[in-house]
Amino acid sequence: MRINFQGQQLQLHAHKAIYWEDAQSLLIADLHLGKVEHFRKNGLAAPASAAQVNYERLADLIQQFSPQRVLFLGDLFHSRLNYSWEQFCRFLLDFPSIGFELIKGNHDILPEAIYQSSALTIHPETLTIPPFILSHYPLEEVPAGLYNFYGHLHPGVVLEGLGKQRLKLPCFHFGPRQGVLPAFGVFTGLSLVRPQADDRVFVVAEDEVLEVN
């Protein structure tokens, strides 16, 4: 879905990412790479195929939009180091003309030397590219003239049908000064949001993004 937002052209994609046309940048939150391996290592059930789906969707977005930058809004890698980090670093090397940048989140706790040895550019807390300021957490105060895009929450909403069916779906939730992106990772949960009257909500329903009231 293509929208004009804050004077910028954005494409909200069903892979749960934003392509910012004016800046030729992909915005992606909460991949949680390595989470499947982390769970399986600790004896918890997790679909082995989920990790590969993340890479397939990311590669599809890159092929579709040819961005100059891919901006990760935190929680790129889930906690402790495992072999999937090497897979991710190899993935980055397949796209040498693209700048990959990480705004750190609460799960991004790998040693600094690990990040420095990768092709990533690291931003500890925020990245400002007017008219947006990007972060992992919602900012307590948004600087004047800027709009805050963030991740962390894994937002979702419940839609109800005429037959009292209830369907929980991930969403983009844009308020007056701040907007939260859905979690990109396929093995993540949802946290229900409560939109206010003037908010804009876009649900991800399979291969479509639809605006709902």
C-alpha atoms as a PDB file:
ATOM      1  CA  MET A   1       0.000   0.000   0.000  1.00  0.00           C
ATOM      2  CA  ARG A   2       1.427   3.376  -1.058  1.00  0.00           C
ATOM      3  CA  ILE A   3       0.620   6.369   1.142  1.00  0.00           C
ATOM      4  CA  ASN A   4       1.713   9.980   1.505  1.00  0.00           C
ATOM      5  CA  PHE A   5       2.738  10.455   5.127  1.00  0.00           C
ATOM      6  CA  GLN A   6       4.452  13.466   6.690  1.00  0.00           C
ATOM      7  CA  GLY A   7       4.981  14.735   3.155  1.00  0.00           C
ATOM      8  CA  GLN A   8       6.855  11.561   2.184  1.00  0.00           C
ATOM      9  CA  GLN A   9       5.948   8.668  -0.082  1.00  0.00           C
ATOM     10  CA  LEU A  10       5.873   5.392   1.837  1.00  0.00           C
ATOM     11  CA  GLN A  11       5.055   1.880   0.723  1.00  0.00           C
ATOM     12  CA  LEU A  12       3.709  -0.345   3.487  1.00  0.00           C
ATOM     13  CA  HIS A  13       4.584  -3.871   2.457  1.00  0.00           C
ATOM     14  CA  ALA A  14       2.918  -7.156   3.426  1.00  0.00           C
ATOM     15  CA  HIS A  15       6.332  -8.457   4.548  1.00  0.00           C
ATOM     16  CA  LYS A  16       5.821  -6.019   7.446  1.00  0.00           C
ATOM     17  CA  ALA A  17       8.294  -3.395   6.291  1.00  0.00           C
ATOM     18  CA  ILE A  18       8.185   0.189   5.017  1.00  0.00           C
ATOM     19  CA  TYR A  19       9.898   1.322   1.857  1.00  0.00           C
ATOM     20  CA  TRP A  20      10.562   5.052   2.129  1.00  0.00           C
ATOM     21  CA  GLU A  21      10.716   6.129  -1.492  1.00  0.00           C
ATOM     22  CA  ASP A  22      12.181   9.604  -0.984  1.00  0.00           C
ATOM     23  CA  ALA A  23      15.145   8.251   0.997  1.00  0.00           C
ATOM     24  CA  GLN A  24      15.412   4.971  -0.966  1.00  0.00           C
ATOM     25  CA  SER A  25      15.424   3.163   2.374  1.00  0.00           C
ATOM     26  CA  LEU A  26      13.801   0.070   3.840  1.00  0.00           C
ATOM     27  CA  LEU A  27      12.590   0.317   7.439  1.00  0.00           C
ATOM     28  CA  ILE A  28      12.381  -2.991   9.273  1.00  0.00           C
ATOM     29  CA  ALA A  29      11.775  -3.707  12.963  1.00  0.00           C
ATOM     30  CA  ASP A  30      12.243  -6.745  15.181  1.00  0.00           C
ATOM     31  CA  LEU A  31      13.671  -9.498  12.998  1.00  0.00           C
ATOM     32  CA  HIS A  32      14.826 -11.504  16.022  1.00  0.00           C
ATOM     33  CA  LEU A  33      17.237 -13.507  13.918  1.00  0.00           C
ATOM     34  CA  GLY A  34      18.657 -16.442  15.844  1.00  0.00           C
ATOM     35  CA  LYS A  35      15.512 -16.814  17.952  1.00  0.00           C
ATOM     36  CA  VAL A  36      14.582 -20.145  16.379  1.00  0.00           C
ATOM     37  CA  GLU A  37      18.064 -21.531  17.039  1.00  0.00           C
ATOM     38  CA  HIS A  38      18.000 -20.123  20.582  1.00  0.00           C
ATOM     39  CA  PHE A  39      14.693 -21.844  21.371  1.00  0.00           C
ATOM     40  CA  ARG A  40      15.667 -25.149  19.799  1.00  0.00           C
ATOM     41  CA  LYS A  41      18.979 -25.180  21.669  1.00  0.00           C
ATOM     42  CA  ASN A  42      17.033 -24.843  24.916  1.00  0.00           C
ATOM     43  CA  GLY A  43      14.675 -27.694  24.062  1.00  0.00           C
ATOM     44  CA  LEU A  44      11.688 -25.557  23.068  1.00  0.00           C
ATOM     45  CA  ALA A  45       9.628 -26.286  19.966  1.00  0.00           C
ATOM     46  CA  ALA A  46      10.296 -23.882  17.107  1.00  0.00           C
ATOM     47  CA  PRO A  47       9.838 -24.365  13.353  1.00  0.00           C
ATOM     48  CA  ALA A  48      13.250 -24.784  11.716  1.00  0.00           C
ATOM     49  CA  SER A  49      11.935 -23.268   8.484  1.00  0.00           C
ATOM     50  CA  ALA A  50      11.050 -19.934  10.140  1.00  0.00           C
ATOM     51  CA  ALA A  51      14.616 -18.638  10.057  1.00  0.00           C
ATOM     52  CA  GLN A  52      14.904 -19.148   6.302  1.00  0.00           C
ATOM     53  CA  VAL A  53      11.608 -17.355   5.671  1.00  0.00           C
ATOM     54  CA  ASN A  54      13.070 -14.190   7.231  1.00  0.00           C
ATOM     55  CA  TYR A  55      15.933 -14.209   4.728  1.00  0.00           C
ATOM     56  CA  GLU A  56      13.650 -14.984   1.809  1.00  0.00           C
ATOM     57  CA  ARG A  57      11.390 -12.039   2.650  1.00  0.00           C
ATOM     58  CA  LEU A  58      14.294  -9.684   3.201  1.00  0.00           C
ATOM     59  CA  ALA A  59      15.857 -10.697  -0.127  1.00  0.00           C
ATOM     60  CA  ASP A  60      12.492 -10.255  -1.837  1.00  0.00           C
ATOM     61  CA  LEU A  61      12.182  -6.700  -0.511  1.00  0.00           C
ATOM     62  CA  ILE A  62      15.701  -5.837  -1.649  1.00  0.00           C
ATOM     63  CA  GLN A  63      15.051  -7.246  -5.095  1.00  0.00           C
ATOM     64  CA  GLN A  64      11.724  -5.436  -5.390  1.00  0.00           C
ATOM     65  CA  PHE A  65      12.834  -1.973  -4.213  1.00  0.00           C
ATOM     66  CA  SER A  66      16.630  -1.861  -4.759  1.00  0.00           C
ATOM     67  CA  PRO A  67      17.136   0.338  -1.665  1.00  0.00           C
ATOM     68  CA  GLN A  68      20.284   2.296  -0.946  1.00  0.00           C
ATOM     69  CA  ARG A  69      19.879   1.677   2.796  1.00  0.00           C
ATOM     70  CA  VAL A  70      18.253  -0.976   4.978  1.00  0.00           C
ATOM     71  CA  LEU A  71      17.509   0.418   8.437  1.00  0.00           C
ATOM     72  CA  PHE A  72      16.827  -2.072  11.220  1.00  0.00           C
ATOM     73  CA  LEU A  73      14.818  -0.552  14.093  1.00  0.00           C
ATOM     74  CA  GLY A  74      16.242  -2.793  16.796  1.00  0.00           C
ATOM     75  CA  ASP A  75      16.042  -6.402  17.953  1.00  0.00           C
ATOM     76  CA  LEU A  76      17.860  -7.573  14.871  1.00  0.00           C
ATOM     77  CA  PHE A  77      19.361 -10.592  16.601  1.00  0.00           C
ATOM     78  CA  HIS A  78      17.746 -12.445  19.462  1.00  0.00           C
ATOM     79  CA  SER A  79      20.042 -12.448  22.440  1.00  0.00           C
ATOM     80  CA  ARG A  80      23.064 -14.794  22.607  1.00  0.00           C
ATOM     81  CA  LEU A  81      25.403 -15.478  19.733  1.00  0.00           C
ATOM     82  CA  ASN A  82      24.724 -18.605  17.683  1.00  0.00           C
ATOM     83  CA  TYR A  83      25.629 -19.860  14.229  1.00  0.00           C
ATOM     84  CA  SER A  84      22.813 -17.906  12.552  1.00  0.00           C
ATOM     85  CA  TRP A  85      24.836 -14.692  13.052  1.00  0.00           C
ATOM     86  CA  GLU A  86      27.380 -15.993  10.549  1.00  0.00           C
ATOM     87  CA  GLN A  87      24.546 -16.712   8.115  1.00  0.00           C
ATOM     88  CA  PHE A  88      23.316 -13.141   8.513  1.00  0.00           C
ATOM     89  CA  CYS A  89      26.789 -11.677   7.904  1.00  0.00           C
ATOM     90  CA  ARG A  90      27.128 -13.738   4.726  1.00  0.00           C
ATOM     91  CA  PHE A  91      23.722 -12.458   3.621  1.00  0.00           C
ATOM     92  CA  LEU A  92      24.887  -8.853   3.984  1.00  0.00           C
ATOM     93  CA  LEU A  93      27.934  -9.518   1.822  1.00  0.00           C
ATOM     94  CA  ASP A  94      25.651 -10.529  -1.047  1.00  0.00           C
ATOM     95  CA  PHE A  95      24.570  -6.861  -1.294  1.00  0.00           C
ATOM     96  CA  PRO A  96      27.773  -4.775  -1.174  1.00  0.00           C
ATOM     97  CA  SER A  97      26.139  -1.671  -2.676  1.00  0.00           C
ATOM     98  CA  ILE A  98      23.547  -1.391   0.149  1.00  0.00           C
ATOM     99  CA  GLY A  99      24.161   0.227   3.520  1.00  0.00           C
ATOM    100  CA  PHE A 100      22.807  -1.922   6.367  1.00  0.00           C
ATOM    101  CA  GLU A 101      22.303  -0.016   9.627  1.00  0.00           C
ATOM    102  CA  LEU A 102      21.111  -1.075  13.068  1.00  0.00           C
ATOM    103  CA  ILE A 103      19.528   1.097  15.737  1.00  0.00           C
ATOM    104  CA  LYS A 104      20.099  -1.066  18.793  1.00  0.00           C
ATOM    105  CA  GLY A 105      17.232  -2.624  20.722  1.00  0.00           C
ATOM    106  CA  ASN A 106      17.009  -4.481  24.014  1.00  0.00           C
ATOM    107  CA  HIS A 107      17.884  -7.825  22.409  1.00  0.00           C
ATOM    108  CA  ASP A 108      20.929  -6.474  20.558  1.00  0.00           C
ATOM    109  CA  ILE A 109      23.450  -7.505  23.206  1.00  0.00           C
ATOM    110  CA  LEU A 110      26.240  -9.116  21.198  1.00  0.00           C
ATOM    111  CA  PRO A 111      29.812  -7.990  22.001  1.00  0.00           C
ATOM    112  CA  GLU A 112      30.826  -4.788  20.219  1.00  0.00           C
ATOM    113  CA  ALA A 113      33.598  -6.610  18.395  1.00  0.00           C
ATOM    114  CA  ILE A 114      30.999  -8.860  16.769  1.00  0.00           C
ATOM    115  CA  TYR A 115      29.094  -5.883  15.371  1.00  0.00           C
ATOM    116  CA  GLN A 116      32.286  -4.161  14.258  1.00  0.00           C
ATOM    117  CA  SER A 117      33.390  -7.211  12.302  1.00  0.00           C
ATOM    118  CA  SER A 118      30.130  -7.201  10.302  1.00  0.00           C
ATOM    119  CA  ALA A 119      28.987  -4.976   7.440  1.00  0.00           C
ATOM    120  CA  LEU A 120      26.561  -3.176   9.774  1.00  0.00           C
ATOM    121  CA  THR A 121      26.655   0.473  10.765  1.00  0.00           C
ATOM    122  CA  ILE A 122      25.554   0.793  14.398  1.00  0.00           C
ATOM    123  CA  HIS A 123      23.454   3.587  15.933  1.00  0.00           C
ATOM    124  CA  PRO A 124      23.167   3.180  19.735  1.00  0.00           C
ATOM    125  CA  GLU A 125      19.764   4.847  20.254  1.00  0.00           C
ATOM    126  CA  THR A 126      18.319   6.891  17.387  1.00  0.00           C
ATOM    127  CA  LEU A 127      18.853   7.819  13.762  1.00  0.00           C
ATOM    128  CA  THR A 128      17.475  11.097  12.428  1.00  0.00           C
ATOM    129  CA  ILE A 129      16.655  11.441   8.734  1.00  0.00           C
ATOM    130  CA  PRO A 130      14.165  14.328   8.521  1.00  0.00           C
ATOM    131  CA  PRO A 131      11.250  14.317   8.786  1.00  0.00           C
ATOM    132  CA  PHE A 132      11.671  11.060  10.709  1.00  0.00           C
ATOM    133  CA  ILE A 133      13.577  10.054  13.818  1.00  0.00           C
ATOM    134  CA  LEU A 134      13.999   6.294  14.048  1.00  0.00           C
ATOM    135  CA  SER A 135      14.376   4.306  17.266  1.00  0.00           C
ATOM    136  CA  HIS A 136      13.683   0.933  18.805  1.00  0.00           C
ATOM    137  CA  TYR A 137      11.689   2.208  21.776  1.00  0.00           C
ATOM    138  CA  PRO A 138       9.065   4.952  21.470  1.00  0.00           C
ATOM    139  CA  LEU A 139      10.741   8.219  22.390  1.00  0.00           C
ATOM    140  CA  GLU A 140       9.506   9.947  25.532  1.00  0.00           C
ATOM    141  CA  GLU A 141       9.897  13.284  23.757  1.00  0.00           C
ATOM    142  CA  VAL A 142       9.823  13.642  19.979  1.00  0.00           C
ATOM    143  CA  PRO A 143      11.879  16.627  18.771  1.00  0.00           C
ATOM    144  CA  ALA A 144       9.884  19.388  17.127  1.00  0.00           C
ATOM    145  CA  GLY A 145       9.380  18.936  13.413  1.00  0.00           C
ATOM    146  CA  LEU A 146      10.104  15.201  13.481  1.00  0.00           C
ATOM    147  CA  TYR A 147       7.979  12.051  13.512  1.00  0.00           C
ATOM    148  CA  ASN A 148       9.152   8.989  15.444  1.00  0.00           C
ATOM    149  CA  PHE A 149       9.054   5.545  13.827  1.00  0.00           C
ATOM    150  CA  TYR A 150       9.904   2.727  16.227  1.00  0.00           C
ATOM    151  CA  GLY A 151       9.545  -1.016  16.836  1.00  0.00           C
ATOM    152  CA  HIS A 152       9.704  -3.115  20.019  1.00  0.00           C
ATOM    153  CA  LEU A 153       5.962  -3.606  20.589  1.00  0.00           C
ATOM    154  CA  HIS A 154       5.097  -6.183  17.875  1.00  0.00           C
ATOM    155  CA  PRO A 155       1.736  -4.420  17.378  1.00  0.00           C
ATOM    156  CA  GLY A 156      -1.464  -6.164  16.397  1.00  0.00           C
ATOM    157  CA  VAL A 157      -5.214  -5.583  16.382  1.00  0.00           C
ATOM    158  CA  VAL A 158      -8.278  -7.801  16.579  1.00  0.00           C
ATOM    159  CA  LEU A 159     -10.833  -7.564  13.776  1.00  0.00           C
ATOM    160  CA  GLU A 160     -14.351  -8.832  14.370  1.00  0.00           C
ATOM    161  CA  GLY A 161     -16.651 -10.142  11.613  1.00  0.00           C
ATOM    162  CA  LEU A 162     -20.431 -10.153  11.382  1.00  0.00           C
ATOM    163  CA  GLY A 163     -20.518 -13.739  12.603  1.00  0.00           C
ATOM    164  CA  LYS A 164     -18.515 -12.796  15.706  1.00  0.00           C
ATOM    165  CA  GLN A 165     -15.339 -14.154  14.170  1.00  0.00           C
ATOM    166  CA  ARG A 166     -12.210 -12.692  15.717  1.00  0.00           C
ATOM    167  CA  LEU A 167      -8.977 -12.398  13.797  1.00  0.00           C
ATOM    168  CA  LYS A 168      -5.743 -11.119  15.310  1.00  0.00           C
ATOM    169  CA  LEU A 169      -3.458  -9.488  12.747  1.00  0.00           C
ATOM    170  CA  PRO A 170      -0.141  -7.592  12.846  1.00  0.00           C
ATOM    171  CA  CYS A 171      -0.391  -3.925  11.989  1.00  0.00           C
ATOM    172  CA  PHE A 172       1.287  -0.610  11.372  1.00  0.00           C
ATOM    173  CA  HIS A 173      -0.076   1.845  13.954  1.00  0.00           C
ATOM    174  CA  PHE A 174       0.500   5.558  13.275  1.00  0.00           C
ATOM    175  CA  GLY A 175      -0.435   8.143  15.886  1.00  0.00           C
ATOM    176  CA  PRO A 176      -0.053  11.956  15.739  1.00  0.00           C
ATOM    177  CA  ARG A 177       3.710  12.041  16.525  1.00  0.00           C
ATOM    178  CA  GLN A 178       4.790   8.401  16.602  1.00  0.00           C
ATOM    179  CA  GLY A 179       4.255   5.249  14.573  1.00  0.00           C
ATOM    180  CA  VAL A 180       5.134   1.643  15.353  1.00  0.00           C
ATOM    181  CA  LEU A 181       6.069  -0.994  12.788  1.00  0.00           C
ATOM    182  CA  PRO A 182       4.993  -4.633  13.015  1.00  0.00           C
ATOM    183  CA  ALA A 183       7.630  -7.219  13.891  1.00  0.00           C
ATOM    184  CA  PHE A 184       9.288  -8.477  10.719  1.00  0.00           C
ATOM    185  CA  GLY A 185      10.365 -11.823  12.177  1.00  0.00           C
ATOM    186  CA  VAL A 186       8.041 -14.724  11.499  1.00  0.00           C
ATOM    187  CA  PHE A 187       8.555 -16.313  14.912  1.00  0.00           C
ATOM    188  CA  THR A 188       7.340 -13.407  17.037  1.00  0.00           C
ATOM    189  CA  GLY A 189       4.165 -12.732  18.990  1.00  0.00           C
ATOM    190  CA  LEU A 190       1.682  -9.864  18.900  1.00  0.00           C
ATOM    191  CA  SER A 191       0.846  -7.193  21.458  1.00  0.00           C
ATOM    192  CA  LEU A 192      -2.585  -5.665  20.947  1.00  0.00           C
ATOM    193  CA  VAL A 193      -2.702  -1.887  20.509  1.00  0.00           C
ATOM    194  CA  ARG A 194      -5.606   0.437  21.243  1.00  0.00           C
ATOM    195  CA  PRO A 195      -5.825   3.040  18.483  1.00  0.00           C
ATOM    196  CA  GLN A 196      -7.228   6.467  19.257  1.00  0.00           C
ATOM    197  CA  ALA A 197      -9.851   8.163  17.100  1.00  0.00           C
ATOM    198  CA  ASP A 198      -7.438   9.976  14.777  1.00  0.00           C
ATOM    199  CA  ASP A 199      -4.820   7.226  14.510  1.00  0.00           C
ATOM    200  CA  ARG A 200      -4.221   5.321  11.296  1.00  0.00           C
ATOM    201  CA  VAL A 201      -4.025   1.538  11.408  1.00  0.00           C
ATOM    202  CA  PHE A 202      -2.918  -0.683   8.543  1.00  0.00           C
ATOM    203  CA  VAL A 203      -3.299  -4.434   9.019  1.00  0.00           C
ATOM    204  CA  VAL A 204      -1.202  -7.072   7.315  1.00  0.00           C
ATOM    205  CA  ALA A 205      -3.567  -9.727   5.968  1.00  0.00           C
ATOM    206  CA  GLU A 206      -1.570 -12.427   4.175  1.00  0.00           C
ATOM    207  CA  ASP A 207      -0.173 -10.699   1.071  1.00  0.00           C
ATOM    208  CA  GLU A 208      -2.057  -7.407   1.494  1.00  0.00           C
ATOM    209  CA  VAL A 209      -1.891  -4.289   3.628  1.00  0.00           C
ATOM    210  CA  LEU A 210      -5.283  -2.748   4.341  1.00  0.00           C
ATOM    211  CA  GLU A 211      -6.219   0.407   6.223  1.00  0.00           C
ATOM    212  CA  VAL A 212      -8.892  -0.130   8.892  1.00  0.00           C
ATOM    213  CA  ASN A 213     -10.803   2.272  11.146  1.00  0.00           C
END
